[in-house]
Amino acid sequence: MLTVYGVAPSEIVSGGSTLVQFPPLSGRAVGGVIPVDCQVSVLKLADSALGSTASWPWKPVDRGYVISSRNVQSSLLKNHLRQVRHLQDSSGCNRIWPWFDPRYLKLALNTLAGQELVKLFGPVESFGFADESGVEVFQLRSGLVHVTQVRR
């Protein structure tokens, strides 16, 4: 069974069944504008949320994203998202990054490869991002990211 969850900054979420809220780790900003972290809500959404932004309980819709998983315990998904909050830099140090921001997650999905990409997906079957015409869905198949457009 496919289950869809939403991930967005808690301050812009207007409703939904909250699975977990991740508090900020540092509250720091980079360049004074881009938050490295903030309080993030993970919500259980209707299955149709992977195909339409109409039921996404945050506005603007491009400030969050959806993930889908199949037959995964919610505790496993929560633990995976806890790990995703940190990335290792080239010197092997763990760094906090804005994992809740769709722009940065899409950048990671488009640039990571091999084991790094497999680790980022973990139990997640797909990531969905709002675009002008619907939802852009990223899936990992045979070690490569495949992107499909789901029209409204």
C-alpha atoms as a PDB file:
ATOM      1  CA  MET A   1       0.000   0.000   0.000  1.00  0.00           C
ATOM      2  CA  LEU A   2       1.317   3.416  -1.002  1.00  0.00           C
ATOM      3  CA  THR A   3       1.353   6.039   1.755  1.00  0.00           C
ATOM      4  CA  VAL A   4       1.952   9.722   1.063  1.00  0.00           C
ATOM      5  CA  TYR A   5       3.457  12.196   3.536  1.00  0.00           C
ATOM      6  CA  GLY A   6       4.030  15.930   3.312  1.00  0.00           C
ATOM      7  CA  VAL A   7       7.182  17.698   4.523  1.00  0.00           C
ATOM      8  CA  ALA A   8       7.065  21.465   5.102  1.00  0.00           C
ATOM      9  CA  PRO A   9       8.120  24.135   7.603  1.00  0.00           C
ATOM     10  CA  SER A  10       5.654  23.998  10.515  1.00  0.00           C
ATOM     11  CA  GLU A  11       5.000  27.744  10.326  1.00  0.00           C
ATOM     12  CA  ILE A  12       3.214  27.414   6.961  1.00  0.00           C
ATOM     13  CA  VAL A  13       1.240  24.220   7.621  1.00  0.00           C
ATOM     14  CA  SER A  14      -2.462  24.914   8.105  1.00  0.00           C
ATOM     15  CA  GLY A  15      -3.753  21.439   8.920  1.00  0.00           C
ATOM     16  CA  GLY A  16      -3.288  17.723   8.435  1.00  0.00           C
ATOM     17  CA  SER A  17      -2.482  14.691  10.520  1.00  0.00           C
ATOM     18  CA  THR A  18       1.001  15.318  11.941  1.00  0.00           C
ATOM     19  CA  LEU A  19       3.257  12.278  12.040  1.00  0.00           C
ATOM     20  CA  VAL A  20       6.190  14.086  13.648  1.00  0.00           C
ATOM     21  CA  GLN A  21       7.632  17.558  14.111  1.00  0.00           C
ATOM     22  CA  PHE A  22      11.357  18.040  13.902  1.00  0.00           C
ATOM     23  CA  PRO A  23      12.554  21.019  15.985  1.00  0.00           C
ATOM     24  CA  PRO A  24      15.417  23.113  14.605  1.00  0.00           C
ATOM     25  CA  LEU A  25      18.896  21.913  15.459  1.00  0.00           C
ATOM     26  CA  SER A  26      20.607  25.281  15.441  1.00  0.00           C
ATOM     27  CA  GLY A  27      18.286  28.012  14.173  1.00  0.00           C
ATOM     28  CA  ARG A  28      21.184  29.502  12.211  1.00  0.00           C
ATOM     29  CA  ALA A  29      20.845  31.221   8.845  1.00  0.00           C
ATOM     30  CA  VAL A  30      23.335  31.289   5.986  1.00  0.00           C
ATOM     31  CA  GLY A  31      23.879  34.651   4.378  1.00  0.00           C
ATOM     32  CA  GLY A  32      21.226  36.076   6.679  1.00  0.00           C
ATOM     33  CA  VAL A  33      18.403  34.771   4.504  1.00  0.00           C
ATOM     34  CA  ILE A  34      18.432  31.018   3.912  1.00  0.00           C
ATOM     35  CA  PRO A  35      17.448  29.025   6.992  1.00  0.00           C
ATOM     36  CA  VAL A  36      19.690  26.032   7.563  1.00  0.00           C
ATOM     37  CA  ASP A  37      16.937  24.514   9.669  1.00  0.00           C
ATOM     38  CA  CYS A  38      13.577  25.344  11.157  1.00  0.00           C
ATOM     39  CA  GLN A  39      10.770  23.404  12.790  1.00  0.00           C
ATOM     40  CA  VAL A  40       9.502  20.947  10.181  1.00  0.00           C
ATOM     41  CA  SER A  41       6.222  19.030  10.157  1.00  0.00           C
ATOM     42  CA  VAL A  42       5.769  15.647   8.516  1.00  0.00           C
ATOM     43  CA  LEU A  43       2.092  14.990   7.808  1.00  0.00           C
ATOM     44  CA  LYS A  44       0.146  11.994   6.620  1.00  0.00           C
ATOM     45  CA  LEU A  45      -1.739  12.997   3.480  1.00  0.00           C
ATOM     46  CA  ALA A  46      -4.303  11.448   1.165  1.00  0.00           C
ATOM     47  CA  ASP A  47      -2.847   9.135  -1.487  1.00  0.00           C
ATOM     48  CA  SER A  48      -3.986  11.620  -4.141  1.00  0.00           C
ATOM     49  CA  ALA A  49      -1.484  14.185  -2.811  1.00  0.00           C
ATOM     50  CA  LEU A  50       1.232  12.615  -4.970  1.00  0.00           C
ATOM     51  CA  GLY A  51      -0.717  13.670  -8.063  1.00  0.00           C
ATOM     52  CA  SER A  52      -2.102  17.065  -7.108  1.00  0.00           C
ATOM     53  CA  THR A  53      -1.031  19.966  -4.927  1.00  0.00           C
ATOM     54  CA  ALA A  54      -4.690  20.798  -4.184  1.00  0.00           C
ATOM     55  CA  SER A  55      -4.628  18.846  -0.898  1.00  0.00           C
ATOM     56  CA  TRP A  56      -1.207  20.027   0.299  1.00  0.00           C
ATOM     57  CA  PRO A  57      -1.911  21.775   3.645  1.00  0.00           C
ATOM     58  CA  TRP A  58       0.769  24.450   3.262  1.00  0.00           C
ATOM     59  CA  LYS A  59       0.917  27.611   1.226  1.00  0.00           C
ATOM     60  CA  PRO A  60       2.737  28.412  -0.917  1.00  0.00           C
ATOM     61  CA  VAL A  61       2.846  24.829  -2.172  1.00  0.00           C
ATOM     62  CA  ASP A  62       6.389  25.205  -3.486  1.00  0.00           C
ATOM     63  CA  ARG A  63       7.746  25.587   0.079  1.00  0.00           C
ATOM     64  CA  GLY A  64       7.215  21.878   0.872  1.00  0.00           C
ATOM     65  CA  TYR A  65       7.181  18.514  -0.859  1.00  0.00           C
ATOM     66  CA  VAL A  66       5.602  15.081  -0.606  1.00  0.00           C
ATOM     67  CA  ILE A  67       7.162  11.670  -0.201  1.00  0.00           C
ATOM     68  CA  SER A  68       5.638   8.271  -0.776  1.00  0.00           C
ATOM     69  CA  SER A  69       6.577   4.913   0.666  1.00  0.00           C
ATOM     70  CA  ARG A  70       5.168   1.454   0.410  1.00  0.00           C
ATOM     71  CA  ASN A  71       4.618  -0.800   3.449  1.00  0.00           C
ATOM     72  CA  VAL A  72       7.034   1.132   5.664  1.00  0.00           C
ATOM     73  CA  GLN A  73       6.480   1.615   9.391  1.00  0.00           C
ATOM     74  CA  SER A  74       6.192   5.271  10.295  1.00  0.00           C
ATOM     75  CA  SER A  75       9.017   4.883  12.859  1.00  0.00           C
ATOM     76  CA  LEU A  76      11.395   3.754  10.089  1.00  0.00           C
ATOM     77  CA  LEU A  77      10.431   6.754   7.985  1.00  0.00           C
ATOM     78  CA  LYS A  78      10.918   9.146  10.936  1.00  0.00           C
ATOM     79  CA  ASN A  79      14.372   7.692  11.640  1.00  0.00           C
ATOM     80  CA  HIS A  80      15.304   8.021   7.979  1.00  0.00           C
ATOM     81  CA  LEU A  81      14.272  11.678   7.925  1.00  0.00           C
ATOM     82  CA  ARG A  82      16.307  12.307  11.084  1.00  0.00           C
ATOM     83  CA  GLN A  83      19.362  10.996   9.232  1.00  0.00           C
ATOM     84  CA  VAL A  84      18.570  13.030   6.110  1.00  0.00           C
ATOM     85  CA  ARG A  85      18.850  16.219   8.178  1.00  0.00           C
ATOM     86  CA  HIS A  86      22.634  15.757   8.100  1.00  0.00           C
ATOM     87  CA  LEU A  87      24.930  15.362   5.114  1.00  0.00           C
ATOM     88  CA  GLN A  88      28.616  14.590   5.148  1.00  0.00           C
ATOM     89  CA  ASP A  89      30.824  17.103   3.409  1.00  0.00           C
ATOM     90  CA  SER A  90      33.907  16.192   1.377  1.00  0.00           C
ATOM     91  CA  SER A  91      36.065  16.199   4.531  1.00  0.00           C
ATOM     92  CA  GLY A  92      33.743  13.718   6.276  1.00  0.00           C
ATOM     93  CA  CYS A  93      32.135  16.202   8.693  1.00  0.00           C
ATOM     94  CA  ASN A  94      28.390  16.055   9.330  1.00  0.00           C
ATOM     95  CA  ARG A  95      26.676  19.247   8.284  1.00  0.00           C
ATOM     96  CA  ILE A  96      23.120  20.460   8.778  1.00  0.00           C
ATOM     97  CA  TRP A  97      21.474  21.385   5.489  1.00  0.00           C
ATOM     98  CA  PRO A  98      18.011  22.730   4.560  1.00  0.00           C
ATOM     99  CA  TRP A  99      16.549  19.279   3.846  1.00  0.00           C
ATOM    100  CA  PHE A 100      12.999  20.652   4.225  1.00  0.00           C
ATOM    101  CA  ASP A 101      13.466  23.110   1.343  1.00  0.00           C
ATOM    102  CA  PRO A 102      12.392  21.583  -1.997  1.00  0.00           C
ATOM    103  CA  ARG A 103      15.008  23.612  -3.901  1.00  0.00           C
ATOM    104  CA  TYR A 104      17.868  22.009  -1.984  1.00  0.00           C
ATOM    105  CA  LEU A 105      16.374  18.532  -1.998  1.00  0.00           C
ATOM    106  CA  LYS A 106      15.882  18.689  -5.785  1.00  0.00           C
ATOM    107  CA  LEU A 107      19.484  19.847  -6.130  1.00  0.00           C
ATOM    108  CA  ALA A 108      20.646  16.863  -4.063  1.00  0.00           C
ATOM    109  CA  LEU A 109      18.490  14.461  -6.098  1.00  0.00           C
ATOM    110  CA  ASN A 110      19.956  15.852  -9.325  1.00  0.00           C
ATOM    111  CA  THR A 111      23.600  15.791  -8.203  1.00  0.00           C
ATOM    112  CA  LEU A 112      24.084  12.777  -5.926  1.00  0.00           C
ATOM    113  CA  ALA A 113      24.880   9.389  -7.406  1.00  0.00           C
ATOM    114  CA  GLY A 114      25.435   5.783  -6.363  1.00  0.00           C
ATOM    115  CA  GLN A 115      25.288   4.984  -2.655  1.00  0.00           C
ATOM    116  CA  GLU A 116      24.691   8.612  -1.688  1.00  0.00           C
ATOM    117  CA  LEU A 117      21.519   8.619  -3.768  1.00  0.00           C
ATOM    118  CA  VAL A 118      20.405   5.240  -2.408  1.00  0.00           C
ATOM    119  CA  LYS A 119      20.977   6.535   1.126  1.00  0.00           C
ATOM    120  CA  LEU A 120      18.976   9.708   0.437  1.00  0.00           C
ATOM    121  CA  PHE A 121      15.994   7.684  -0.831  1.00  0.00           C
ATOM    122  CA  GLY A 122      16.186   4.996   1.891  1.00  0.00           C
ATOM    123  CA  PRO A 123      12.595   3.757   2.405  1.00  0.00           C
ATOM    124  CA  VAL A 124      11.183   6.582   0.274  1.00  0.00           C
ATOM    125  CA  GLU A 125       9.727   5.396  -3.015  1.00  0.00           C
ATOM    126  CA  SER A 126       9.297   8.849  -4.521  1.00  0.00           C
ATOM    127  CA  PHE A 127       9.648  12.563  -3.864  1.00  0.00           C
ATOM    128  CA  GLY A 128       7.048  14.956  -5.305  1.00  0.00           C
ATOM    129  CA  PHE A 129       7.573  18.664  -5.886  1.00  0.00           C
ATOM    130  CA  ALA A 130       5.111  21.343  -6.990  1.00  0.00           C
ATOM    131  CA  ASP A 131       5.667  22.847 -10.410  1.00  0.00           C
ATOM    132  CA  GLU A 132       3.637  25.130 -12.659  1.00  0.00           C
ATOM    133  CA  SER A 133       1.505  22.350 -14.104  1.00  0.00           C
ATOM    134  CA  GLY A 134       1.177  19.819 -11.285  1.00  0.00           C
ATOM    135  CA  VAL A 135       3.647  17.597  -9.471  1.00  0.00           C
ATOM    136  CA  GLU A 136       7.131  16.561 -10.557  1.00  0.00           C
ATOM    137  CA  VAL A 137       7.839  13.042  -9.219  1.00  0.00           C
ATOM    138  CA  PHE A 138      11.394  11.776  -8.643  1.00  0.00           C
ATOM    139  CA  GLN A 139      11.913   7.995  -8.315  1.00  0.00           C
ATOM    140  CA  LEU A 140      15.016   5.860  -7.995  1.00  0.00           C
ATOM    141  CA  ARG A 141      15.157   3.058 -10.583  1.00  0.00           C
ATOM    142  CA  SER A 142      18.228   0.914 -11.210  1.00  0.00           C
ATOM    143  CA  GLY A 143      20.404   3.434  -9.395  1.00  0.00           C
ATOM    144  CA  LEU A 144      19.233   6.411 -11.472  1.00  0.00           C
ATOM    145  CA  VAL A 145      16.712   9.139 -10.744  1.00  0.00           C
ATOM    146  CA  HIS A 146      13.715   9.172 -13.091  1.00  0.00           C
ATOM    147  CA  VAL A 147      11.511  12.264 -13.219  1.00  0.00           C
ATOM    148  CA  THR A 148       7.912  12.244 -14.377  1.00  0.00           C
ATOM    149  CA  GLN A 149       5.315  14.987 -14.577  1.00  0.00           C
ATOM    150  CA  VAL A 150       1.871  14.412 -13.077  1.00  0.00           C
ATOM    151  CA  ARG A 151      -0.541  16.929 -14.564  1.00  0.00           C
ATOM    152  CA  ARG A 152      -3.338  18.438 -12.486  1.00  0.00           C
END
